[in-house]
Full PDB file with SEQRES, HELIX, SHEET, SSBOND, CRYST1, ORIGX, SCALE, CONECT and MASTER records, all heavy atoms in Angstrom:
SEQRES   1 A   40  SER GLU LEU ASP THR GLY ASP TYR VAL GLU LYS THR PHE          
SEQRES   2 A   40  TYR ARG ASN GLU GLU CYS TYR ALA LEU THR GLU ASN GLY          
SEQRES   3 A   40  ALA LYS ALA LEU GLU LEU PHE GLY GLU LYS PHE PRO LYS          
SEQRES   4 A   40  SER                                                          
HELIX    1 AA1 GLU A    2  THR A    5  1                                   4    
HELIX    2 AA2 GLU A   24  PHE A   33  1                                  10    
HELIX    3 AA3 GLY A   34  LYS A   36  5                                   3    
SHEET    1 AA1 2 VAL A   9  TYR A  14  0                                        
SHEET    2 AA1 2 GLU A  17  LEU A  22 -1                                        
CRYST1    1.000    1.000    1.000  90.00  90.00  90.00 P 1           1          
ORIGX1      1.000000  0.000000  0.000000        0.00000                         
ORIGX2      0.000000  1.000000  0.000000        0.00000                         
ORIGX3      0.000000  0.000000  1.000000        0.00000                         
SCALE1      1.000000  0.000000  0.000000        0.00000                         
SCALE2      0.000000  1.000000  0.000000        0.00000                         
SCALE3      0.000000  0.000000  1.000000        0.00000                         
ATOM      1  N   SER A   1     114.775 108.656 101.431  1.00  0.00           N  
ATOM      2  CA  SER A   1     113.475 109.124 100.962  1.00  0.00           C  
ATOM      3  C   SER A   1     112.641 107.981 100.378  1.00  0.00           C  
ATOM      4  O   SER A   1     111.452 107.851 100.675  1.00  0.00           O  
ATOM      5  CB  SER A   1     113.664 110.215  99.909  1.00  0.00           C  
ATOM      6  OG  SER A   1     112.422 110.614  99.386  1.00  0.00           O  
ATOM      7  N   GLU A   2     113.266 107.139  99.569  1.00  0.00           N  
ATOM      8  CA  GLU A   2     112.548 106.001  98.990  1.00  0.00           C  
ATOM      9  C   GLU A   2     112.096 105.014 100.061  1.00  0.00           C  
ATOM     10  O   GLU A   2     110.996 104.464  99.983  1.00  0.00           O  
ATOM     11  CB  GLU A   2     113.414 105.299  97.955  1.00  0.00           C  
ATOM     12  CG  GLU A   2     113.575 106.095  96.679  1.00  0.00           C  
ATOM     13  CD  GLU A   2     114.413 105.379  95.649  1.00  0.00           C  
ATOM     14  OE1 GLU A   2     114.427 104.124  95.628  1.00  0.00           O  
ATOM     15  OE2 GLU A   2     115.066 106.076  94.846  1.00  0.00           O  
ATOM     16  N   LEU A   3     112.922 104.782 101.043  1.00  0.00           N  
ATOM     17  CA  LEU A   3     112.544 103.871 102.127  1.00  0.00           C  
ATOM     18  C   LEU A   3     111.431 104.454 102.986  1.00  0.00           C  
ATOM     19  O   LEU A   3     110.564 103.730 103.469  1.00  0.00           O  
ATOM     20  CB  LEU A   3     113.767 103.539 102.985  1.00  0.00           C  
ATOM     21  CG  LEU A   3     114.800 102.647 102.313  1.00  0.00           C  
ATOM     22  CD1 LEU A   3     116.103 102.669 103.089  1.00  0.00           C  
ATOM     23  CD2 LEU A   3     114.276 101.227 102.164  1.00  0.00           C  
ATOM     24  N   ASP A   4     111.434 105.761 103.154  1.00  0.00           N  
ATOM     25  CA  ASP A   4     110.392 106.441 103.932  1.00  0.00           C  
ATOM     26  C   ASP A   4     109.045 106.329 103.226  1.00  0.00           C  
ATOM     27  O   ASP A   4     108.035 106.028 103.855  1.00  0.00           O  
ATOM     28  CB  ASP A   4     110.778 107.902 104.156  1.00  0.00           C  
ATOM     29  CG  ASP A   4     109.807 108.646 105.055  1.00  0.00           C  
ATOM     30  OD1 ASP A   4     109.137 107.998 105.892  1.00  0.00           O  
ATOM     31  OD2 ASP A   4     109.721 109.876 104.920  1.00  0.00           O  
ATOM     32  N   THR A   5     109.016 106.533 101.921  1.00  0.00           N  
ATOM     33  CA  THR A   5     107.759 106.438 101.186  1.00  0.00           C  
ATOM     34  C   THR A   5     107.334 104.988 100.984  1.00  0.00           C  
ATOM     35  O   THR A   5     106.178 104.722 100.704  1.00  0.00           O  
ATOM     36  CB  THR A   5     107.846 107.146  99.818  1.00  0.00           C  
ATOM     37  OG1 THR A   5     108.895 106.561  99.054  1.00  0.00           O  
ATOM     38  CG2 THR A   5     108.076 108.630  99.989  1.00  0.00           C  
ATOM     39  N   GLY A   6     108.263 104.053 101.141  1.00  0.00           N  
ATOM     40  CA  GLY A   6     107.964 102.641 100.961  1.00  0.00           C  
ATOM     41  C   GLY A   6     107.621 101.915 102.240  1.00  0.00           C  
ATOM     42  O   GLY A   6     107.540 100.699 102.259  1.00  0.00           O  
ATOM     43  N   ASP A   7     107.459 102.619 103.342  1.00  0.00           N  
ATOM     44  CA  ASP A   7     107.079 102.038 104.630  1.00  0.00           C  
ATOM     45  C   ASP A   7     108.146 101.119 105.236  1.00  0.00           C  
ATOM     46  O   ASP A   7     107.836 100.146 105.903  1.00  0.00           O  
ATOM     47  CB  ASP A   7     105.733 101.308 104.520  1.00  0.00           C  
ATOM     48  CG  ASP A   7     105.129 101.000 105.877  1.00  0.00           C  
ATOM     49  OD1 ASP A   7     105.311 101.812 106.799  1.00  0.00           O  
ATOM     50  OD2 ASP A   7     104.496  99.944 106.028  1.00  0.00           O  
ATOM     51  N   TYR A   8     109.400 101.432 104.979  1.00  0.00           N  
ATOM     52  CA  TYR A   8     110.494 100.684 105.594  1.00  0.00           C  
ATOM     53  C   TYR A   8     111.184 101.511 106.679  1.00  0.00           C  
ATOM     54  O   TYR A   8     111.840 100.971 107.552  1.00  0.00           O  
ATOM     55  CB  TYR A   8     111.520 100.265 104.539  1.00  0.00           C  
ATOM     56  CG  TYR A   8     110.947  99.302 103.534  1.00  0.00           C  
ATOM     57  CD1 TYR A   8     110.479  99.742 102.298  1.00  0.00           C  
ATOM     58  CD2 TYR A   8     110.846  97.950 103.820  1.00  0.00           C  
ATOM     59  CE1 TYR A   8     109.936  98.858 101.382  1.00  0.00           C  
ATOM     60  CE2 TYR A   8     110.303  97.061 102.919  1.00  0.00           C  
ATOM     61  CZ  TYR A   8     109.844  97.533 101.697  1.00  0.00           C  
ATOM     62  OH  TYR A   8     109.295  96.651 100.800  1.00  0.00           O  
ATOM     63  N   VAL A   9     111.027 102.813 106.570  1.00  0.00           N  
ATOM     64  CA  VAL A   9     111.585 103.777 107.513  1.00  0.00           C  
ATOM     65  C   VAL A   9     110.486 104.782 107.807  1.00  0.00           C  
ATOM     66  O   VAL A   9     109.678 105.098 106.936  1.00  0.00           O  
ATOM     67  CB  VAL A   9     112.814 104.496 106.887  1.00  0.00           C  
ATOM     68  CG1 VAL A   9     113.274 105.655 107.721  1.00  0.00           C  
ATOM     69  CG2 VAL A   9     113.944 103.512 106.676  1.00  0.00           C  
ATOM     70  N   GLU A  10     110.446 105.265 109.044  1.00  0.00           N  
ATOM     71  CA  GLU A  10     109.437 106.266 109.377  1.00  0.00           C  
ATOM     72  C   GLU A  10     110.070 107.458 110.076  1.00  0.00           C  
ATOM     73  O   GLU A  10     111.075 107.315 110.770  1.00  0.00           O  
ATOM     74  CB  GLU A  10     108.355 105.668 110.270  1.00  0.00           C  
ATOM     75  CG  GLU A  10     108.839 105.257 111.648  1.00  0.00           C  
ATOM     76  CD  GLU A  10     107.763 104.628 112.502  1.00  0.00           C  
ATOM     77  OE1 GLU A  10     106.594 104.626 112.109  1.00  0.00           O  
ATOM     78  OE2 GLU A  10     108.107 104.128 113.576  1.00  0.00           O  
ATOM     79  N   LYS A  11     109.472 108.607 109.835  1.00  0.00           N  
ATOM     80  CA  LYS A  11     109.868 109.795 110.578  1.00  0.00           C  
ATOM     81  C   LYS A  11     109.104 109.788 111.881  1.00  0.00           C  
ATOM     82  O   LYS A  11     107.916 109.475 111.913  1.00  0.00           O  
ATOM     83  CB  LYS A  11     109.526 111.065 109.810  1.00  0.00           C  
ATOM     84  CG  LYS A  11     110.406 111.310 108.630  1.00  0.00           C  
ATOM     85  CD  LYS A  11     110.035 112.619 107.956  1.00  0.00           C  
ATOM     86  CE  LYS A  11     110.806 112.788 106.680  1.00  0.00           C  
ATOM     87  NZ  LYS A  11     110.394 113.985 105.951  1.00  0.00           N  
ATOM     88  N   THR A  12     109.784 110.108 112.943  1.00  0.00           N  
ATOM     89  CA  THR A  12     109.164 110.132 114.261  1.00  0.00           C  
ATOM     90  C   THR A  12     109.821 111.229 115.082  1.00  0.00           C  
ATOM     91  O   THR A  12     110.849 111.764 114.699  1.00  0.00           O  
ATOM     92  CB  THR A  12     109.318 108.753 114.939  1.00  0.00           C  
ATOM     93  OG1 THR A  12     108.588 108.740 116.147  1.00  0.00           O  
ATOM     94  CG2 THR A  12     110.758 108.401 115.199  1.00  0.00           C  
ATOM     95  N   PHE A  13     109.204 111.575 116.177  1.00  0.00           N  
ATOM     96  CA  PHE A  13     109.818 112.545 117.085  1.00  0.00           C  
ATOM     97  C   PHE A  13     110.377 111.802 118.285  1.00  0.00           C  
ATOM     98  O   PHE A  13     109.710 110.964 118.876  1.00  0.00           O  
ATOM     99  CB  PHE A  13     108.797 113.606 117.527  1.00  0.00           C  
ATOM    100  CG  PHE A  13     108.598 114.662 116.496  1.00  0.00           C  
ATOM    101  CD1 PHE A  13     107.635 114.526 115.517  1.00  0.00           C  
ATOM    102  CD2 PHE A  13     109.411 115.784 116.482  1.00  0.00           C  
ATOM    103  CE1 PHE A  13     107.464 115.488 114.548  1.00  0.00           C  
ATOM    104  CE2 PHE A  13     109.252 116.757 115.515  1.00  0.00           C  
ATOM    105  CZ  PHE A  13     108.278 116.608 114.541  1.00  0.00           C  
ATOM    106  N   TYR A  14     111.619 112.106 118.591  1.00  0.00           N  
ATOM    107  CA  TYR A  14     112.314 111.473 119.712  1.00  0.00           C  
ATOM    108  C   TYR A  14     113.092 112.578 120.410  1.00  0.00           C  
ATOM    109  O   TYR A  14     113.903 113.263 119.776  1.00  0.00           O  
ATOM    110  CB  TYR A  14     113.247 110.377 119.184  1.00  0.00           C  
ATOM    111  CG  TYR A  14     114.018 109.634 120.228  1.00  0.00           C  
ATOM    112  CD1 TYR A  14     113.376 108.752 121.096  1.00  0.00           C  
ATOM    113  CD2 TYR A  14     115.392 109.790 120.349  1.00  0.00           C  
ATOM    114  CE1 TYR A  14     114.083 108.050 122.052  1.00  0.00           C  
ATOM    115  CE2 TYR A  14     116.112 109.092 121.296  1.00  0.00           C  
ATOM    116  CZ  TYR A  14     115.448 108.224 122.151  1.00  0.00           C  
ATOM    117  OH  TYR A  14     116.158 107.528 123.093  1.00  0.00           O  
ATOM    118  N   ARG A  15     112.791 112.769 121.668  1.00  0.00           N  
ATOM    119  CA  ARG A  15     113.434 113.837 122.449  1.00  0.00           C  
ATOM    120  C   ARG A  15     113.267 115.202 121.771  1.00  0.00           C  
ATOM    121  O   ARG A  15     114.218 115.951 121.609  1.00  0.00           O  
ATOM    122  CB  ARG A  15     114.888 113.527 122.712  1.00  0.00           C  
ATOM    123  CG  ARG A  15     115.061 112.282 123.560  1.00  0.00           C  
ATOM    124  CD  ARG A  15     116.501 112.041 123.893  1.00  0.00           C  
ATOM    125  NE  ARG A  15     116.590 110.832 124.705  1.00  0.00           N  
ATOM    126  CZ  ARG A  15     117.720 110.252 125.043  1.00  0.00           C  
ATOM    127  NH1 ARG A  15     118.866 110.757 124.668  1.00  0.00           N  
ATOM    128  NH2 ARG A  15     117.719 109.172 125.779  1.00  0.00           N  
ATOM    129  N   ASN A  16     112.032 115.448 121.306  1.00  0.00           N  
ATOM    130  CA  ASN A  16     111.644 116.708 120.672  1.00  0.00           C  
ATOM    131  C   ASN A  16     112.388 117.020 119.384  1.00  0.00           C  
ATOM    132  O   ASN A  16     112.514 118.181 119.000  1.00  0.00           O  
ATOM    133  CB  ASN A  16     111.787 117.878 121.649  1.00  0.00           C  
ATOM    134  CG  ASN A  16     110.851 117.741 122.825  1.00  0.00           C  
ATOM    135  OD1 ASN A  16     109.733 117.263 122.670  1.00  0.00           O  
ATOM    136  ND2 ASN A  16     111.311 118.128 123.992  1.00  0.00           N  
ATOM    137  N   GLU A  17     112.886 116.016 118.701  1.00  0.00           N  
ATOM    138  CA  GLU A  17     113.562 116.213 117.430  1.00  0.00           C  
ATOM    139  C   GLU A  17     113.022 115.219 116.409  1.00  0.00           C  
ATOM    140  O   GLU A  17     112.713 114.081 116.759  1.00  0.00           O  
ATOM    141  CB  GLU A  17     115.070 116.024 117.568  1.00  0.00           C  
ATOM    142  CG  GLU A  17     115.719 117.066 118.460  1.00  0.00           C  
ATOM    143  CD  GLU A  17     117.227 116.995 118.395  1.00  0.00           C  
ATOM    144  OE1 GLU A  17     117.768 117.128 117.286  1.00  0.00           O  
ATOM    145  OE2 GLU A  17     117.833 116.802 119.460  1.00  0.00           O  
ATOM    146  N   GLU A  18     112.931 115.661 115.164  1.00  0.00           N  
ATOM    147  CA  GLU A  18     112.502 114.756 114.110  1.00  0.00           C  
ATOM    148  C   GLU A  18     113.619 113.757 113.831  1.00  0.00           C  
ATOM    149  O   GLU A  18     114.769 114.143 113.634  1.00  0.00           O  
ATOM    150  CB  GLU A  18     112.152 115.527 112.840  1.00  0.00           C  
ATOM    151  CG  GLU A  18     111.554 114.635 111.779  1.00  0.00           C  
ATOM    152  CD  GLU A  18     111.101 115.406 110.569  1.00  0.00           C  
ATOM    153  OE1 GLU A  18     111.946 115.680 109.704  1.00  0.00           O  
ATOM    154  OE2 GLU A  18     109.909 115.746 110.522  1.00  0.00           O  
ATOM    155  N   CYS A  19     113.252 112.498 113.833  1.00  0.00           N  
ATOM    156  CA  CYS A  19     114.226 111.422 113.670  1.00  0.00           C  
ATOM    157  C   CYS A  19     113.696 110.380 112.692  1.00  0.00           C  
ATOM    158  O   CYS A  19     112.533 110.406 112.299  1.00  0.00           O  
ATOM    159  CB  CYS A  19     114.480 110.735 115.008  1.00  0.00           C  
ATOM    160  SG  CYS A  19     115.180 111.808 116.256  1.00  0.00           S  
ATOM    161  N   TYR A  20     114.557 109.456 112.340  1.00  0.00           N  
ATOM    162  CA  TYR A  20     114.181 108.320 111.503  1.00  0.00           C  
ATOM    163  C   TYR A  20     114.320 107.044 112.314  1.00  0.00           C  
ATOM    164  O   TYR A  20     115.239 106.892 113.111  1.00  0.00           O  
ATOM    165  CB  TYR A  20     115.071 108.229 110.266  1.00  0.00           C  
ATOM    166  CG  TYR A  20     114.812 109.339 109.287  1.00  0.00           C  
ATOM    167  CD1 TYR A  20     115.576 110.491 109.304  1.00  0.00           C  
ATOM    168  CD2 TYR A  20     113.782 109.235 108.360  1.00  0.00           C  
ATOM    169  CE1 TYR A  20     115.328 111.518 108.410  1.00  0.00           C  
ATOM    170  CE2 TYR A  20     113.533 110.254 107.467  1.00  0.00           C  
ATOM    171  CZ  TYR A  20     114.307 111.394 107.501  1.00  0.00           C  
ATOM    172  OH  TYR A  20     114.054 112.406 106.621  1.00  0.00           O  
ATOM    173  N   ALA A  21     113.387 106.131 112.067  1.00  0.00           N  
ATOM    174  CA  ALA A  21     113.415 104.843 112.754  1.00  0.00           C  
ATOM    175  C   ALA A  21     113.041 103.746 111.765  1.00  0.00           C  
ATOM    176  O   ALA A  21     112.319 103.983 110.791  1.00  0.00           O  
ATOM    177  CB  ALA A  21     112.435 104.843 113.926  1.00  0.00           C  
ATOM    178  N   LEU A  22     113.517 102.581 112.026  1.00  0.00           N  
ATOM    179  CA  LEU A  22     113.219 101.403 111.232  1.00  0.00           C  
ATOM    180  C   LEU A  22     111.799 100.944 111.550  1.00  0.00           C  
ATOM    181  O   LEU A  22     111.414 100.875 112.709  1.00  0.00           O  
ATOM    182  CB  LEU A  22     114.229 100.320 111.613  1.00  0.00           C  
ATOM    183  CG  LEU A  22     114.426  99.126 110.715  1.00  0.00           C  
ATOM    184  CD1 LEU A  22     114.897  99.553 109.345  1.00  0.00           C  
ATOM    185  CD2 LEU A  22     115.435  98.187 111.352  1.00  0.00           C  
ATOM    186  N   THR A  23     111.009 100.637 110.520  1.00  0.00           N  
ATOM    187  CA  THR A  23     109.675 100.086 110.748  1.00  0.00           C  
ATOM    188  C   THR A  23     109.775  98.561 110.824  1.00  0.00           C  
ATOM    189  O   THR A  23     110.832  97.979 110.568  1.00  0.00           O  
ATOM    190  CB  THR A  23     108.705 100.455 109.612  1.00  0.00           C  
ATOM    191  OG1 THR A  23     109.157  99.828 108.402  1.00  0.00           O  
ATOM    192  CG2 THR A  23     108.582 101.959 109.441  1.00  0.00           C  
ATOM    193  N   GLU A  24     108.673  97.937 111.123  1.00  0.00           N  
ATOM    194  CA  GLU A  24     108.642  96.475 111.155  1.00  0.00           C  
ATOM    195  C   GLU A  24     108.959  95.911 109.765  1.00  0.00           C  
ATOM    196  O   GLU A  24     109.696  94.932 109.643  1.00  0.00           O  
ATOM    197  CB  GLU A  24     107.264  95.989 111.621  1.00  0.00           C  
ATOM    198  CG  GLU A  24     107.190  94.507 111.851  1.00  0.00           C  
ATOM    199  CD  GLU A  24     105.854  94.067 112.420  1.00  0.00           C  
ATOM    200  OE1 GLU A  24     105.272  94.817 113.218  1.00  0.00           O  
ATOM    201  OE2 GLU A  24     105.408  92.971 112.036  1.00  0.00           O  
ATOM    202  N   ASN A  25     108.420  96.544 108.721  1.00  0.00           N  
ATOM    203  CA  ASN A  25     108.721  96.097 107.357  1.00  0.00           C  
ATOM    204  C   ASN A  25     110.204  96.256 107.034  1.00  0.00           C  
ATOM    205  O   ASN A  25     110.791  95.415 106.358  1.00  0.00           O  
ATOM    206  CB  ASN A  25     107.896  96.877 106.331  1.00  0.00           C  
ATOM    207  CG  ASN A  25     106.459  96.457 106.311  1.00  0.00           C  
ATOM    208  OD1 ASN A  25     106.096  95.395 106.799  1.00  0.00           O  
ATOM    209  ND2 ASN A  25     105.607  97.288 105.750  1.00  0.00           N  
ATOM    210  N   GLY A  26     110.804  97.334 107.491  1.00  0.00           N  
ATOM    211  CA  GLY A  26     112.231  97.549 107.274  1.00  0.00           C  
ATOM    212  C   GLY A  26     113.067  96.495 107.970  1.00  0.00           C  
ATOM    213  O   GLY A  26     114.038  95.985 107.408  1.00  0.00           O  
ATOM    214  N   ALA A  27     112.688  96.150 109.185  1.00  0.00           N  
ATOM    215  CA  ALA A  27     113.409  95.119 109.933  1.00  0.00           C  
ATOM    216  C   ALA A  27     113.294  93.758 109.248  1.00  0.00           C  
ATOM    217  O   ALA A  27     114.272  93.009 109.157  1.00  0.00           O  
ATOM    218  CB  ALA A  27     112.896  95.041 111.364  1.00  0.00           C  
ATOM    219  N   LYS A  28     112.096  93.457 108.740  1.00  0.00           N  
ATOM    220  CA  LYS A  28     111.899  92.180 108.031  1.00  0.00           C  
ATOM    221  C   LYS A  28     112.719  92.122 106.751  1.00  0.00           C  
ATOM    222  O   LYS A  28     113.335  91.106 106.450  1.00  0.00           O  
ATOM    223  CB  LYS A  28     110.423  91.978 107.703  1.00  0.00           C  
ATOM    224  CG  LYS A  28     109.579  91.620 108.893  1.00  0.00           C  
ATOM    225  CD  LYS A  28     108.126  91.457 108.499  1.00  0.00           C  
ATOM    226  CE  LYS A  28     107.254  91.207 109.705  1.00  0.00           C  
ATOM    227  NZ  LYS A  28     105.819  91.137 109.354  1.00  0.00           N  
ATOM    228  N   ALA A  29     112.714  93.208 105.991  1.00  0.00           N  
ATOM    229  CA  ALA A  29     113.495  93.254 104.744  1.00  0.00           C  
ATOM    230  C   ALA A  29     114.977  93.076 105.035  1.00  0.00           C  
ATOM    231  O   ALA A  29     115.675  92.345 104.330  1.00  0.00           O  
ATOM    232  CB  ALA A  29     113.240  94.575 104.017  1.00  0.00           C  
ATOM    233  N   LEU A  30     115.450  93.737 106.063  1.00  0.00           N  
ATOM    234  CA  LEU A  30     116.856  93.624 106.436  1.00  0.00           C  
ATOM    235  C   LEU A  30     117.189  92.198 106.863  1.00  0.00           C  
ATOM    236  O   LEU A  30     118.242  91.658 106.498  1.00  0.00           O  
ATOM    237  CB  LEU A  30     117.185  94.607 107.554  1.00  0.00           C  
ATOM    238  CG  LEU A  30     118.636  94.733 107.945  1.00  0.00           C  
ATOM    239  CD1 LEU A  30     119.492  95.151 106.754  1.00  0.00           C  
ATOM    240  CD2 LEU A  30     118.791  95.738 109.062  1.00  0.00           C  
ATOM    241  N   GLU A  31     116.301  91.584 107.594  1.00  0.00           N  
ATOM    242  CA  GLU A  31     116.520  90.207 108.044  1.00  0.00           C  
ATOM    243  C   GLU A  31     116.579  89.245 106.857  1.00  0.00           C  
ATOM    244  O   GLU A  31     117.426  88.347 106.810  1.00  0.00           O  
ATOM    245  CB  GLU A  31     115.384  89.791 108.981  1.00  0.00           C  
ATOM    246  CG  GLU A  31     115.533  88.420 109.578  1.00  0.00           C  
ATOM    247  CD  GLU A  31     114.393  88.089 110.525  1.00  0.00           C  
ATOM    248  OE1 GLU A  31     113.997  88.951 111.322  1.00  0.00           O  
ATOM    249  OE2 GLU A  31     113.890  86.958 110.440  1.00  0.00           O  
ATOM    250  N   LEU A  32     115.704  89.449 105.874  1.00  0.00           N  
ATOM    251  CA  LEU A  32     115.649  88.546 104.724  1.00  0.00           C  
ATOM    252  C   LEU A  32     116.789  88.745 103.729  1.00  0.00           C  
ATOM    253  O   LEU A  32     117.313  87.783 103.175  1.00  0.00           O  
ATOM    254  CB  LEU A  32     114.314  88.714 103.996  1.00  0.00           C  
ATOM    255  CG  LEU A  32     113.078  88.251 104.748  1.00  0.00           C  
ATOM    256  CD1 LEU A  32     111.816  88.642 103.998  1.00  0.00           C  
ATOM    257  CD2 LEU A  32     113.117  86.742 104.963  1.00  0.00           C  
ATOM    258  N   PHE A  33     117.145  90.012 103.488  1.00  0.00           N  
ATOM    259  CA  PHE A  33     118.076  90.294 102.404  1.00  0.00           C  
ATOM    260  C   PHE A  33     119.323  91.064 102.819  1.00  0.00           C  
ATOM    261  O   PHE A  33     120.161  91.363 101.985  1.00  0.00           O  
ATOM    262  CB  PHE A  33     117.365  91.101 101.310  1.00  0.00           C  
ATOM    263  CG  PHE A  33     116.160  90.418 100.757  1.00  0.00           C  
ATOM    264  CD1 PHE A  33     114.892  90.856 101.094  1.00  0.00           C  
ATOM    265  CD2 PHE A  33     116.285  89.322  99.921  1.00  0.00           C  
ATOM    266  CE1 PHE A  33     113.763  90.227 100.585  1.00  0.00           C  
ATOM    267  CE2 PHE A  33     115.169  88.687  99.408  1.00  0.00           C  
ATOM    268  CZ  PHE A  33     113.902  89.134  99.742  1.00  0.00           C  
ATOM    269  N   GLY A  34     119.465  91.398 104.069  1.00  0.00           N  
ATOM    270  CA  GLY A  34     120.538  92.263 104.522  1.00  0.00           C  
ATOM    271  C   GLY A  34     121.938  91.718 104.380  1.00  0.00           C  
ATOM    272  O   GLY A  34     122.899  92.473 104.334  1.00  0.00           O  
ATOM    273  N   GLU A  35     122.088  90.428 104.267  1.00  0.00           N  
ATOM    274  CA  GLU A  35     123.423  89.838 104.134  1.00  0.00           C  
ATOM    275  C   GLU A  35     123.973  89.977 102.724  1.00  0.00           C  
ATOM    276  O   GLU A  35     125.078  89.542 102.448  1.00  0.00           O  
ATOM    277  CB  GLU A  35     123.375  88.364 104.544  1.00  0.00           C  
ATOM    278  CG  GLU A  35     123.044  88.151 106.002  1.00  0.00           C  
ATOM    279  CD  GLU A  35     124.070  88.770 106.936  1.00  0.00           C  
ATOM    280  OE1 GLU A  35     125.279  88.638 106.677  1.00  0.00           O  
ATOM    281  OE2 GLU A  35     123.659  89.414 107.915  1.00  0.00           O  
ATOM    282  N   LYS A  36     123.222  90.614 101.835  1.00  0.00           N  
ATOM    283  CA  LYS A  36     123.633  90.750 100.440  1.00  0.00           C  
ATOM    284  C   LYS A  36     124.700  91.817 100.229  1.00  0.00           C  
ATOM    285  O   LYS A  36     125.364  91.817  99.218  1.00  0.00           O  
ATOM    286  CB  LYS A  36     122.422  91.086  99.556  1.00  0.00           C  
ATOM    287  CG  LYS A  36     121.328  90.062  99.597  1.00  0.00           C  
ATOM    288  CD  LYS A  36     121.657  88.882  98.760  1.00  0.00           C  
ATOM    289  CE  LYS A  36     120.467  87.926  98.759  1.00  0.00           C  
ATOM    290  NZ  LYS A  36     120.729  86.688  98.142  1.00  0.00           N  
ATOM    291  N   PHE A  37     124.844  92.749 101.169  1.00  0.00           N  
ATOM    292  CA  PHE A  37     125.853  93.778 100.948  1.00  0.00           C  
ATOM    293  C   PHE A  37     127.123  93.441 101.717  1.00  0.00           C  
ATOM    294  O   PHE A  37     127.109  92.688 102.678  1.00  0.00           O  
ATOM    295  CB  PHE A  37     125.320  95.186 101.249  1.00  0.00           C  
ATOM    296  CG  PHE A  37     124.963  95.478 102.668  1.00  0.00           C  
ATOM    297  CD1 PHE A  37     125.878  96.069 103.501  1.00  0.00           C  
ATOM    298  CD2 PHE A  37     123.698  95.212 103.154  1.00  0.00           C  
ATOM    299  CE1 PHE A  37     125.553  96.364 104.808  1.00  0.00           C  
ATOM    300  CE2 PHE A  37     123.368  95.508 104.453  1.00  0.00           C  
ATOM    301  CZ  PHE A  37     124.292  96.086 105.285  1.00  0.00           C  
ATOM    302  N   PRO A  38     128.247  93.976 101.250  1.00  0.00           N  
ATOM    303  CA  PRO A  38     129.568  93.553 101.761  1.00  0.00           C  
ATOM    304  C   PRO A  38     129.750  93.717 103.269  1.00  0.00           C  
ATOM    305  O   PRO A  38     129.363  94.714 103.848  1.00  0.00           O  
ATOM    306  CB  PRO A  38     130.533  94.472 101.014  1.00  0.00           C  
ATOM    307  CG  PRO A  38     129.788  94.926  99.815  1.00  0.00           C  
ATOM    308  CD  PRO A  38     128.344  94.979 100.217  1.00  0.00           C  
ATOM    309  N   LYS A  39     130.389  92.713 103.869  1.00  0.00           N  
ATOM    310  CA  LYS A  39     130.697  92.758 105.302  1.00  0.00           C  
ATOM    311  C   LYS A  39     131.627  93.922 105.635  1.00  0.00           C  
ATOM    312  O   LYS A  39     131.555  94.476 106.710  1.00  0.00           O  
ATOM    313  CB  LYS A  39     131.355  91.437 105.745  1.00  0.00           C  
ATOM    314  CG  LYS A  39     130.430  90.253 105.701  1.00  0.00           C  
ATOM    315  CD  LYS A  39     129.484  90.280 106.858  1.00  0.00           C  
ATOM    316  CE  LYS A  39     128.664  89.005 106.853  1.00  0.00           C  
ATOM    317  NZ  LYS A  39     127.516  89.084 107.699  1.00  0.00           N  
ATOM    318  N   SER A  40     132.478  94.289 104.700  1.00  0.00           N  
ATOM    319  CA  SER A  40     133.404  95.398 104.949  1.00  0.00           C  
ATOM    320  C   SER A  40     132.633  96.691 105.204  1.00  0.00           C  
ATOM    321  O   SER A  40     133.028  97.502 106.047  1.00  0.00           O  
ATOM    322  CB  SER A  40     134.364  95.576 103.768  1.00  0.00           C  
ATOM    323  OG  SER A  40     133.651  95.864 102.586  1.00  0.00           O  
TER     324      SER A  40                                                      
MASTER        0    0    0    3    2    0    0    6  323    1    0    4          
END                                                                             
């Protein structure tokens, strides 16, 4: 929910179902900081 309101994730329709997708901002954030959480 926080990522959706923060423009990192968006709700979209895919194959007639409501889905979630990564936005460009979400992809950039993940690229910059995504290695911070455990590899496990």
